[in-house]
């Protein structure tokens, strides 16, 4: 798996490892299809702040693993006066109904 951490939302996106053999520009296109951030609005960085160059192959960088992902920033979020909204998954409503029912039963 190829791991991309979307900093603006706090989520990790995974891709097939075969994408690591492609160019960074092709990775940006795949990210656009997956999460809707236009390729031109993406900033991809490695740990330490090095920018990924569009014509380089993804595998030429020592990043993209679960412990060292590629970091995705959106230029529109960087330039916005408002902070980005994190993507939080609280689970299904069914889970919470059961949780609160069990909690009330203890009273």
PDB file of N, CA and C in Angstrom:
ATOM      1  N   UNK A   1       0.833  -1.182   0.000  1.00  0.00           N
ATOM      2  CA  UNK A   1       0.000   0.000   0.000  1.00  0.00           C
ATOM      3  C   UNK A   1       0.883   1.253   0.000  1.00  0.00           C
ATOM      4  N   UNK A   2       0.367   2.288  -0.632  1.00  0.00           N
ATOM      5  CA  UNK A   2       1.005   3.592  -0.648  1.00  0.00           C
ATOM      6  C   UNK A   2       0.142   4.500   0.224  1.00  0.00           C
ATOM      7  N   UNK A   3       0.734   5.113   1.234  1.00  0.00           N
ATOM      8  CA  UNK A   3       0.001   5.888   2.228  1.00  0.00           C
ATOM      9  C   UNK A   3       0.193   7.383   2.027  1.00  0.00           C
ATOM     10  N   UNK A   4      -0.941   8.088   1.965  1.00  0.00           N
ATOM     11  CA  UNK A   4      -0.952   9.540   1.842  1.00  0.00           C
ATOM     12  C   UNK A   4      -1.749  10.067   3.029  1.00  0.00           C
ATOM     13  N   UNK A   5      -1.149  10.948   3.816  1.00  0.00           N
ATOM     14  CA  UNK A   5      -1.859  11.549   4.950  1.00  0.00           C
ATOM     15  C   UNK A   5      -2.363  12.920   4.525  1.00  0.00           C
ATOM     16  N   UNK A   6      -3.698  13.063   4.478  1.00  0.00           N
ATOM     17  CA  UNK A   6      -4.331  14.328   4.091  1.00  0.00           C
ATOM     18  C   UNK A   6      -4.400  15.209   5.335  1.00  0.00           C
ATOM     19  N   UNK A   7      -3.464  16.123   5.448  1.00  0.00           N
ATOM     20  CA  UNK A   7      -3.300  16.946   6.640  1.00  0.00           C
ATOM     21  C   UNK A   7      -4.541  17.787   6.921  1.00  0.00           C
ATOM     22  N   UNK A   8      -5.179  18.295   5.879  1.00  0.00           N
ATOM     23  CA  UNK A   8      -6.344  19.170   6.049  1.00  0.00           C
ATOM     24  C   UNK A   8      -7.510  18.474   6.745  1.00  0.00           C
ATOM     25  N   UNK A   9      -7.657  17.194   6.524  1.00  0.00           N
ATOM     26  CA  UNK A   9      -8.790  16.460   7.109  1.00  0.00           C
ATOM     27  C   UNK A   9      -8.370  15.478   8.197  1.00  0.00           C
ATOM     28  N   UNK A  10      -7.081  15.221   8.311  1.00  0.00           N
ATOM     29  CA  UNK A  10      -6.611  14.271   9.317  1.00  0.00           C
ATOM     30  C   UNK A  10      -6.877  12.827   8.947  1.00  0.00           C
ATOM     31  N   UNK A  11      -7.029  12.547   7.661  1.00  0.00           N
ATOM     32  CA  UNK A  11      -7.323  11.188   7.220  1.00  0.00           C
ATOM     33  C   UNK A  11      -6.175  10.617   6.395  1.00  0.00           C
ATOM     34  N   UNK A  12      -6.077   9.308   6.371  1.00  0.00           N
ATOM     35  CA  UNK A  12      -5.075   8.620   5.561  1.00  0.00           C
ATOM     36  C   UNK A  12      -5.770   7.990   4.371  1.00  0.00           C
ATOM     37  N   UNK A  13      -5.193   8.212   3.210  1.00  0.00           N
ATOM     38  CA  UNK A  13      -5.697   7.648   1.965  1.00  0.00           C
ATOM     39  C   UNK A  13      -4.687   6.591   1.530  1.00  0.00           C
ATOM     40  N   UNK A  14      -5.164   5.447   1.094  1.00  0.00           N
ATOM     41  CA  UNK A  14      -4.243   4.400   0.643  1.00  0.00           C
ATOM     42  C   UNK A  14      -4.482   4.106  -0.833  1.00  0.00           C
ATOM     43  N   UNK A  15      -3.392   3.775  -1.504  1.00  0.00           N
ATOM     44  CA  UNK A  15      -3.434   3.422  -2.915  1.00  0.00           C
ATOM     45  C   UNK A  15      -2.653   2.137  -3.121  1.00  0.00           C
ATOM     46  N   UNK A  16      -2.917   1.478  -4.223  1.00  0.00           N
ATOM     47  CA  UNK A  16      -2.168   0.291  -4.605  1.00  0.00           C
ATOM     48  C   UNK A  16      -0.699   0.667  -4.762  1.00  0.00           C
ATOM     49  N   UNK A  17       0.174  -0.178  -4.312  1.00  0.00           N
ATOM     50  CA  UNK A  17       1.610   0.083  -4.345  1.00  0.00           C
ATOM     51  C   UNK A  17       2.118   0.269  -5.779  1.00  0.00           C
ATOM     52  N   UNK A  18       1.406  -0.245  -6.769  1.00  0.00           N
ATOM     53  CA  UNK A  18       1.817  -0.079  -8.170  1.00  0.00           C
ATOM     54  C   UNK A  18       1.896   1.394  -8.562  1.00  0.00           C
ATOM     55  N   UNK A  19       1.132   2.226  -7.865  1.00  0.00           N
ATOM     56  CA  UNK A  19       1.161   3.663  -8.152  1.00  0.00           C
ATOM     57  C   UNK A  19       2.522   4.272  -7.799  1.00  0.00           C
ATOM     58  N   UNK A  20       3.286   3.621  -6.941  1.00  0.00           N
ATOM     59  CA  UNK A  20       4.619   4.106  -6.573  1.00  0.00           C
ATOM     60  C   UNK A  20       5.576   4.081  -7.767  1.00  0.00           C
ATOM     61  N   UNK A  21       5.275   3.270  -8.779  1.00  0.00           N
ATOM     62  CA  UNK A  21       6.112   3.199  -9.974  1.00  0.00           C
ATOM     63  C   UNK A  21       5.790   4.308 -10.971  1.00  0.00           C
ATOM     64  N   UNK A  22       4.723   5.048 -10.705  1.00  0.00           N
ATOM     65  CA  UNK A  22       4.280   6.122 -11.599  1.00  0.00           C
ATOM     66  C   UNK A  22       4.902   7.456 -11.181  1.00  0.00           C
ATOM     67  N   UNK A  23       4.633   8.485 -11.950  1.00  0.00           N
ATOM     68  CA  UNK A  23       5.149   9.817 -11.631  1.00  0.00           C
ATOM     69  C   UNK A  23       4.310  10.457 -10.521  1.00  0.00           C
ATOM     70  N   UNK A  24       4.891  11.454  -9.891  1.00  0.00           N
ATOM     71  CA  UNK A  24       4.176  12.210  -8.862  1.00  0.00           C
ATOM     72  C   UNK A  24       2.948  12.876  -9.480  1.00  0.00           C
ATOM     73  N   UNK A  25       3.053  13.335 -10.724  1.00  0.00           N
ATOM     74  CA  UNK A  25       1.906  13.939 -11.412  1.00  0.00           C
ATOM     75  C   UNK A  25       0.754  12.935 -11.525  1.00  0.00           C
ATOM     76  N   UNK A  26       1.066  11.668 -11.817  1.00  0.00           N
ATOM     77  CA  UNK A  26       0.023  10.640 -11.895  1.00  0.00           C
ATOM     78  C   UNK A  26      -0.561  10.350 -10.517  1.00  0.00           C
ATOM     79  N   UNK A  27       0.272  10.402  -9.475  1.00  0.00           N
ATOM     80  CA  UNK A  27      -0.228  10.242  -8.108  1.00  0.00           C
ATOM     81  C   UNK A  27      -1.206  11.367  -7.784  1.00  0.00           C
ATOM     82  N   UNK A  28      -0.868  12.591  -8.175  1.00  0.00           N
ATOM     83  CA  UNK A  28      -1.763  13.723  -7.916  1.00  0.00           C
ATOM     84  C   UNK A  28      -3.115  13.530  -8.609  1.00  0.00           C
ATOM     85  N   UNK A  29      -3.092  12.988  -9.817  1.00  0.00           N
ATOM     86  CA  UNK A  29      -4.342  12.711 -10.528  1.00  0.00           C
ATOM     87  C   UNK A  29      -5.167  11.667  -9.774  1.00  0.00           C
ATOM     88  N   UNK A  30      -4.511  10.636  -9.252  1.00  0.00           N
ATOM     89  CA  UNK A  30      -5.212   9.600  -8.481  1.00  0.00           C
ATOM     90  C   UNK A  30      -5.793  10.186  -7.197  1.00  0.00           C
ATOM     91  N   UNK A  31      -5.050  11.072  -6.549  1.00  0.00           N
ATOM     92  CA  UNK A  31      -5.548  11.723  -5.336  1.00  0.00           C
ATOM     93  C   UNK A  31      -6.759  12.578  -5.668  1.00  0.00           C
ATOM     94  N   UNK A  32      -6.709  13.282  -6.788  1.00  0.00           N
ATOM     95  CA  UNK A  32      -7.857  14.102  -7.206  1.00  0.00           C
ATOM     96  C   UNK A  32      -9.099  13.244  -7.401  1.00  0.00           C
ATOM     97  N   UNK A  33      -8.940  12.100  -8.049  1.00  0.00           N
ATOM     98  CA  UNK A  33     -10.083  11.198  -8.257  1.00  0.00           C
ATOM     99  C   UNK A  33     -10.617  10.661  -6.928  1.00  0.00           C
ATOM    100  N   UNK A  34      -9.715  10.365  -5.998  1.00  0.00           N
ATOM    101  CA  UNK A  34     -10.098   9.745  -4.723  1.00  0.00           C
ATOM    102  C   UNK A  34     -10.717  10.730  -3.742  1.00  0.00           C
ATOM    103  N   UNK A  35     -10.139  11.922  -3.601  1.00  0.00           N
ATOM    104  CA  UNK A  35     -10.626  12.821  -2.547  1.00  0.00           C
ATOM    105  C   UNK A  35     -11.063  14.194  -3.026  1.00  0.00           C
ATOM    106  N   UNK A  36     -10.992  14.449  -4.326  1.00  0.00           N
ATOM    107  CA  UNK A  36     -11.553  15.675  -4.868  1.00  0.00           C
ATOM    108  C   UNK A  36     -10.685  16.918  -4.791  1.00  0.00           C
ATOM    109  N   UNK A  37      -9.449  16.807  -4.320  1.00  0.00           N
ATOM    110  CA  UNK A  37      -8.550  17.959  -4.302  1.00  0.00           C
ATOM    111  C   UNK A  37      -7.883  18.030  -5.673  1.00  0.00           C
ATOM    112  N   UNK A  38      -8.107  19.128  -6.395  1.00  0.00           N
ATOM    113  CA  UNK A  38      -7.540  19.274  -7.732  1.00  0.00           C
ATOM    114  C   UNK A  38      -6.018  19.137  -7.689  1.00  0.00           C
ATOM    115  N   UNK A  39      -5.468  18.471  -8.691  1.00  0.00           N
ATOM    116  CA  UNK A  39      -4.020  18.232  -8.742  1.00  0.00           C
ATOM    117  C   UNK A  39      -3.243  19.540  -8.630  1.00  0.00           C
ATOM    118  N   UNK A  40      -3.738  20.589  -9.252  1.00  0.00           N
ATOM    119  CA  UNK A  40      -3.047  21.887  -9.208  1.00  0.00           C
ATOM    120  C   UNK A  40      -3.083  22.519  -7.821  1.00  0.00           C
ATOM    121  N   UNK A  41      -4.005  22.067  -6.965  1.00  0.00           N
ATOM    122  CA  UNK A  41      -4.141  22.609  -5.610  1.00  0.00           C
ATOM    123  C   UNK A  41      -3.411  21.777  -4.569  1.00  0.00           C
ATOM    124  N   UNK A  42      -2.763  20.686  -4.993  1.00  0.00           N
ATOM    125  CA  UNK A  42      -2.101  19.782  -4.051  1.00  0.00           C
ATOM    126  C   UNK A  42      -0.652  20.178  -3.804  1.00  0.00           C
ATOM    127  N   UNK A  43      -0.251  20.036  -2.550  1.00  0.00           N
ATOM    128  CA  UNK A  43       1.157  20.146  -2.165  1.00  0.00           C
ATOM    129  C   UNK A  43       1.491  18.814  -1.502  1.00  0.00           C
ATOM    130  N   UNK A  44       2.438  18.079  -2.068  1.00  0.00           N
ATOM    131  CA  UNK A  44       2.859  16.788  -1.520  1.00  0.00           C
ATOM    132  C   UNK A  44       4.250  16.940  -0.933  1.00  0.00           C
ATOM    133  N   UNK A  45       4.374  16.581   0.346  1.00  0.00           N
ATOM    134  CA  UNK A  45       5.652  16.710   1.049  1.00  0.00           C
ATOM    135  C   UNK A  45       6.032  15.401   1.723  1.00  0.00           C
ATOM    136  N   UNK A  46       7.320  15.217   1.902  1.00  0.00           N
ATOM    137  CA  UNK A  46       7.847  14.112   2.699  1.00  0.00           C
ATOM    138  C   UNK A  46       8.103  14.643   4.103  1.00  0.00           C
ATOM    139  N   UNK A  47       8.304  13.741   5.038  1.00  0.00           N
ATOM    140  CA  UNK A  47       8.723  14.131   6.375  1.00  0.00           C
ATOM    141  C   UNK A  47      10.009  14.931   6.238  1.00  0.00           C
ATOM    142  N   UNK A  48      10.086  16.059   6.907  1.00  0.00           N
ATOM    143  CA  UNK A  48      11.239  16.935   6.766  1.00  0.00           C
ATOM    144  C   UNK A  48      10.970  18.095   5.833  1.00  0.00           C
ATOM    145  N   UNK A  49       9.844  18.047   5.107  1.00  0.00           N
ATOM    146  CA  UNK A  49       9.426  19.172   4.291  1.00  0.00           C
ATOM    147  C   UNK A  49       9.839  19.160   2.834  1.00  0.00           C
ATOM    148  N   UNK A  50      10.519  18.106   2.368  1.00  0.00           N
ATOM    149  CA  UNK A  50      10.915  18.066   0.962  1.00  0.00           C
ATOM    150  C   UNK A  50       9.689  17.887   0.076  1.00  0.00           C
ATOM    151  N   UNK A  51       9.596  18.719  -0.951  1.00  0.00           N
ATOM    152  CA  UNK A  51       8.472  18.672  -1.888  1.00  0.00           C
ATOM    153  C   UNK A  51       8.708  17.592  -2.938  1.00  0.00           C
ATOM    154  N   UNK A  52       7.649  16.877  -3.316  1.00  0.00           N
ATOM    155  CA  UNK A  52       7.742  15.866  -4.364  1.00  0.00           C
ATOM    156  C   UNK A  52       7.592  16.550  -5.715  1.00  0.00           C
ATOM    157  N   UNK A  53       8.531  16.308  -6.606  1.00  0.00           N
ATOM    158  CA  UNK A  53       8.542  16.926  -7.928  1.00  0.00           C
ATOM    159  C   UNK A  53       7.634  16.160  -8.886  1.00  0.00           C
ATOM    160  N   UNK A  54       6.824  16.859  -9.677  1.00  0.00           N
ATOM    161  CA  UNK A  54       5.828  16.206 -10.540  1.00  0.00           C
ATOM    162  C   UNK A  54       6.382  15.179 -11.525  1.00  0.00           C
ATOM    163  N   UNK A  55       7.583  15.402 -12.054  1.00  0.00           N
ATOM    164  CA  UNK A  55       8.128  14.481 -13.061  1.00  0.00           C
ATOM    165  C   UNK A  55       8.892  13.306 -12.462  1.00  0.00           C
ATOM    166  N   UNK A  56       9.149  13.338 -11.166  1.00  0.00           N
ATOM    167  CA  UNK A  56       9.871  12.236 -10.510  1.00  0.00           C
ATOM    168  C   UNK A  56       8.934  11.062 -10.275  1.00  0.00           C
ATOM    169  N   UNK A  57       9.505   9.876 -10.228  1.00  0.00           N
ATOM    170  CA  UNK A  57       8.699   8.701  -9.871  1.00  0.00           C
ATOM    171  C   UNK A  57       8.493   8.713  -8.362  1.00  0.00           C
ATOM    172  N   UNK A  58       7.328   8.289  -7.936  1.00  0.00           N
ATOM    173  CA  UNK A  58       6.985   8.270  -6.515  1.00  0.00           C
ATOM    174  C   UNK A  58       7.988   7.418  -5.741  1.00  0.00           C
ATOM    175  N   UNK A  59       8.416   6.303  -6.309  1.00  0.00           N
ATOM    176  CA  UNK A  59       9.332   5.394  -5.612  1.00  0.00           C
ATOM    177  C   UNK A  59      10.737   5.962  -5.440  1.00  0.00           C
ATOM    178  N   UNK A  60      11.036   7.094  -6.072  1.00  0.00           N
ATOM    179  CA  UNK A  60      12.355   7.696  -5.894  1.00  0.00           C
ATOM    180  C   UNK A  60      12.471   8.417  -4.546  1.00  0.00           C
ATOM    181  N   UNK A  61      11.354   8.525  -3.851  1.00  0.00           N
ATOM    182  CA  UNK A  61      11.330   9.142  -2.526  1.00  0.00           C
ATOM    183  C   UNK A  61      11.176   8.056  -1.467  1.00  0.00           C
ATOM    184  N   UNK A  62      11.790   8.252  -0.330  1.00  0.00           N
ATOM    185  CA  UNK A  62      11.658   7.264   0.753  1.00  0.00           C
ATOM    186  C   UNK A  62      10.471   7.651   1.635  1.00  0.00           C
ATOM    187  N   UNK A  63       9.297   7.633   1.030  1.00  0.00           N
ATOM    188  CA  UNK A  63       8.069   7.988   1.745  1.00  0.00           C
ATOM    189  C   UNK A  63       6.909   7.223   1.120  1.00  0.00           C
ATOM    190  N   UNK A  64       5.805   7.217   1.841  1.00  0.00           N
ATOM    191  CA  UNK A  64       4.605   6.552   1.343  1.00  0.00           C
ATOM    192  C   UNK A  64       4.276   5.275   2.094  1.00  0.00           C
ATOM    193  N   UNK A  65       4.992   5.029   3.191  1.00  0.00           N
ATOM    194  CA  UNK A  65       4.712   3.843   4.000  1.00  0.00           C
ATOM    195  C   UNK A  65       3.741   4.206   5.120  1.00  0.00           C
ATOM    196  N   UNK A  66       3.269   3.205   5.846  1.00  0.00           N
ATOM    197  CA  UNK A  66       2.336   3.478   6.948  1.00  0.00           C
ATOM    198  C   UNK A  66       3.003   4.278   8.057  1.00  0.00           C
ATOM    199  N   UNK A  67       4.305   4.119   8.258  1.00  0.00           N
ATOM    200  CA  UNK A  67       5.004   4.860   9.311  1.00  0.00           C
ATOM    201  C   UNK A  67       5.673   6.133   8.798  1.00  0.00           C
ATOM    202  N   UNK A  68       5.742   6.310   7.496  1.00  0.00           N
ATOM    203  CA  UNK A  68       6.332   7.503   6.890  1.00  0.00           C
ATOM    204  C   UNK A  68       5.528   7.870   5.640  1.00  0.00           C
ATOM    205  N   UNK A  69       4.304   8.373   5.838  1.00  0.00           N
ATOM    206  CA  UNK A  69       3.449   8.650   4.680  1.00  0.00           C
ATOM    207  C   UNK A  69       3.901   9.885   3.914  1.00  0.00           C
ATOM    208  N   UNK A  70       3.319  10.057   2.744  1.00  0.00           N
ATOM    209  CA  UNK A  70       3.449  11.307   1.999  1.00  0.00           C
ATOM    210  C   UNK A  70       2.370  12.230   2.555  1.00  0.00           C
ATOM    211  N   UNK A  71       2.716  13.479   2.797  1.00  0.00           N
ATOM    212  CA  UNK A  71       1.778  14.438   3.384  1.00  0.00           C
ATOM    213  C   UNK A  71       1.141  15.282   2.292  1.00  0.00           C
ATOM    214  N   UNK A  72      -0.181  15.304   2.280  1.00  0.00           N
ATOM    215  CA  UNK A  72      -0.959  16.065   1.306  1.00  0.00           C
ATOM    216  C   UNK A  72      -1.548  17.299   1.971  1.00  0.00           C
ATOM    217  N   UNK A  73      -1.248  18.459   1.402  1.00  0.00           N
ATOM    218  CA  UNK A  73      -1.850  19.719   1.821  1.00  0.00           C
ATOM    219  C   UNK A  73      -2.606  20.278   0.626  1.00  0.00           C
ATOM    220  N   UNK A  74      -3.691  20.965   0.883  1.00  0.00           N
ATOM    221  CA  UNK A  74      -4.436  21.640  -0.166  1.00  0.00           C
ATOM    222  C   UNK A  74      -4.079  23.125  -0.131  1.00  0.00           C
ATOM    223  N   UNK A  75      -3.678  23.686  -1.285  1.00  0.00           N
ATOM    224  CA  UNK A  75      -3.347  25.104  -1.344  1.00  0.00           C
ATOM    225  C   UNK A  75      -4.534  25.966  -0.922  1.00  0.00           C
ATOM    226  N   UNK A  76      -5.739  25.538  -1.287  1.00  0.00           N
ATOM    227  CA  UNK A  76      -6.921  26.326  -0.925  1.00  0.00           C
ATOM    228  C   UNK A  76      -7.105  26.366   0.594  1.00  0.00           C
ATOM    229  N   UNK A  77      -6.791  25.287   1.289  1.00  0.00           N
ATOM    230  CA  UNK A  77      -6.883  25.283   2.752  1.00  0.00           C
ATOM    231  C   UNK A  77      -5.781  26.136   3.366  1.00  0.00           C
ATOM    232  N   UNK A  78      -4.598  26.116   2.762  1.00  0.00           N
ATOM    233  CA  UNK A  78      -3.479  26.910   3.266  1.00  0.00           C
ATOM    234  C   UNK A  78      -3.792  28.399   3.134  1.00  0.00           C
ATOM    235  N   UNK A  79      -4.399  28.778   2.014  1.00  0.00           N
ATOM    236  CA  UNK A  79      -4.681  30.181   1.726  1.00  0.00           C
ATOM    237  C   UNK A  79      -5.967  30.682   2.373  1.00  0.00           C
ATOM    238  N   UNK A  80      -6.787  29.795   2.903  1.00  0.00           N
ATOM    239  CA  UNK A  80      -8.065  30.173   3.492  1.00  0.00           C
ATOM    240  C   UNK A  80      -7.867  30.848   4.854  1.00  0.00           C
ATOM    241  N   UNK A  81      -8.688  31.862   5.167  1.00  0.00           N
ATOM    242  CA  UNK A  81      -8.604  32.483   6.491  1.00  0.00           C
ATOM    243  C   UNK A  81      -9.205  31.598   7.586  1.00  0.00           C
ATOM    244  N   UNK A  82      -9.971  30.581   7.191  1.00  0.00           N
ATOM    245  CA  UNK A  82     -10.589  29.653   8.144  1.00  0.00           C
ATOM    246  C   UNK A  82      -9.790  28.364   8.234  1.00  0.00           C
ATOM    247  N   UNK A  83      -9.722  27.759   9.413  1.00  0.00           N
ATOM    248  CA  UNK A  83      -9.006  26.482   9.524  1.00  0.00           C
ATOM    249  C   UNK A  83      -9.780  25.373   8.821  1.00  0.00           C
ATOM    250  N   UNK A  84      -9.079  24.336   8.347  1.00  0.00           N
ATOM    251  CA  UNK A  84      -9.777  23.224   7.682  1.00  0.00           C
ATOM    252  C   UNK A  84     -10.610  22.435   8.676  1.00  0.00           C
ATOM    253  N   UNK A  85     -11.634  21.782   8.175  1.00  0.00           N
ATOM    254  CA  UNK A  85     -12.501  20.947   9.008  1.00  0.00           C
ATOM    255  C   UNK A  85     -11.994  19.513   8.968  1.00  0.00           C
ATOM    256  N   UNK A  86     -11.676  18.938  10.121  1.00  0.00           N
ATOM    257  CA  UNK A  86     -11.230  17.534  10.125  1.00  0.00           C
ATOM    258  C   UNK A  86     -12.373  16.603   9.771  1.00  0.00           C
ATOM    259  N   UNK A  87     -12.024  15.485   9.214  1.00  0.00           N
ATOM    260  CA  UNK A  87     -13.003  14.463   8.882  1.00  0.00           C
ATOM    261  C   UNK A  87     -13.059  13.498  10.059  1.00  0.00           C
ATOM    262  N   UNK A  88     -14.187  13.513  10.775  1.00  0.00           N
ATOM    263  CA  UNK A  88     -14.316  12.675  11.964  1.00  0.00           C
ATOM    264  C   UNK A  88     -15.429  11.669  11.735  1.00  0.00           C
ATOM    265  N   UNK A  89     -15.099  10.410  11.910  1.00  0.00           N
ATOM    266  CA  UNK A  89     -16.076   9.346  11.753  1.00  0.00           C
ATOM    267  C   UNK A  89     -16.439   8.825  13.135  1.00  0.00           C
ATOM    268  N   UNK A  90     -17.634   9.158  13.582  1.00  0.00           N
ATOM    269  CA  UNK A  90     -18.086   8.725  14.900  1.00  0.00           C
ATOM    270  C   UNK A  90     -18.779   7.368  14.850  1.00  0.00           C
ATOM    271  N   UNK A  91     -18.754   6.733  13.720  1.00  0.00           N
ATOM    272  CA  UNK A  91     -19.394   5.432  13.603  1.00  0.00           C
ATOM    273  C   UNK A  91     -20.867   5.566  13.269  1.00  0.00           C
ATOM    274  N   UNK A  92     -21.509   4.439  13.172  1.00  0.00           N
ATOM    275  CA  UNK A  92     -22.915   4.446  12.780  1.00  0.00           C
ATOM    276  C   UNK A  92     -23.806   4.856  13.944  1.00  0.00           C
ATOM    277  N   UNK A  93     -24.960   5.368  13.602  1.00  0.00           N
ATOM    278  CA  UNK A  93     -25.941   5.749  14.610  1.00  0.00           C
ATOM    279  C   UNK A  93     -26.364   4.548  15.446  1.00  0.00           C
ATOM    280  N   UNK A  94     -26.386   3.380  14.835  1.00  0.00           N
ATOM    281  CA  UNK A  94     -26.776   2.162  15.548  1.00  0.00           C
ATOM    282  C   UNK A  94     -25.823   1.885  16.706  1.00  0.00           C
ATOM    283  N   UNK A  95     -24.538   2.061  16.488  1.00  0.00           N
ATOM    284  CA  UNK A  95     -23.551   1.858  17.543  1.00  0.00           C
ATOM    285  C   UNK A  95     -23.839   2.768  18.726  1.00  0.00           C
ATOM    286  N   UNK A  96     -24.070   4.056  18.435  1.00  0.00           N
ATOM    287  CA  UNK A  96     -24.274   5.024  19.515  1.00  0.00           C
ATOM    288  C   UNK A  96     -25.584   4.789  20.255  1.00  0.00           C
ATOM    289  N   UNK A  97     -26.628   4.372  19.547  1.00  0.00           N
ATOM    290  CA  UNK A  97     -27.899   4.045  20.230  1.00  0.00           C
ATOM    291  C   UNK A  97     -27.678   2.904  21.216  1.00  0.00           C
ATOM    292  N   UNK A  98     -26.957   1.878  20.800  1.00  0.00           N
ATOM    293  CA  UNK A  98     -26.675   0.745  21.683  1.00  0.00           C
ATOM    294  C   UNK A  98     -25.786   1.180  22.848  1.00  0.00           C
ATOM    295  N   UNK A  99     -24.812   2.024  22.566  1.00  0.00           N
ATOM    296  CA  UNK A  99     -23.907   2.505  23.602  1.00  0.00           C
ATOM    297  C   UNK A  99     -24.679   3.259  24.681  1.00  0.00           C
ATOM    298  N   UNK A 100     -25.512   4.227  24.271  1.00  0.00           N
ATOM    299  CA  UNK A 100     -26.242   5.034  25.241  1.00  0.00           C
ATOM    300  C   UNK A 100     -27.324   4.229  25.953  1.00  0.00           C
ATOM    301  N   UNK A 101     -27.913   3.246  25.275  1.00  0.00           N
ATOM    302  CA  UNK A 101     -28.890   2.373  25.924  1.00  0.00           C
ATOM    303  C   UNK A 101     -28.229   1.574  27.040  1.00  0.00           C
ATOM    304  N   UNK A 102     -27.037   1.052  26.762  1.00  0.00           N
ATOM    305  CA  UNK A 102     -26.295   0.290  27.781  1.00  0.00           C
ATOM    306  C   UNK A 102     -25.878   1.204  28.929  1.00  0.00           C
ATOM    307  N   UNK A 103     -25.522   2.420  28.611  1.00  0.00           N
ATOM    308  CA  UNK A 103     -25.092   3.393  29.639  1.00  0.00           C
ATOM    309  C   UNK A 103     -26.259   3.744  30.546  1.00  0.00           C
ATOM    310  N   UNK A 104     -27.434   3.989  29.957  1.00  0.00           N
ATOM    311  CA  UNK A 104     -28.616   4.331  30.761  1.00  0.00           C
ATOM    312  C   UNK A 104     -29.059   3.155  31.611  1.00  0.00           C
ATOM    313  N   UNK A 105     -28.852   1.944  31.132  1.00  0.00           N
ATOM    314  CA  UNK A 105     -29.277   0.757  31.868  1.00  0.00           C
ATOM    315  C   UNK A 105     -28.495   0.587  33.166  1.00  0.00           C
ATOM    316  N   UNK A 106     -27.316   1.178  33.245  1.00  0.00           N
ATOM    317  CA  UNK A 106     -26.499   1.053  34.454  1.00  0.00           C
ATOM    318  C   UNK A 106     -27.022   1.938  35.587  1.00  0.00           C
ATOM    319  N   UNK A 107     -27.790   2.965  35.281  1.00  0.00           N
ATOM    320  CA  UNK A 107     -28.300   3.891  36.316  1.00  0.00           C
ATOM    321  C   UNK A 107     -29.289   3.230  37.234  1.00  0.00           C
TER     322      UNK A 107
END
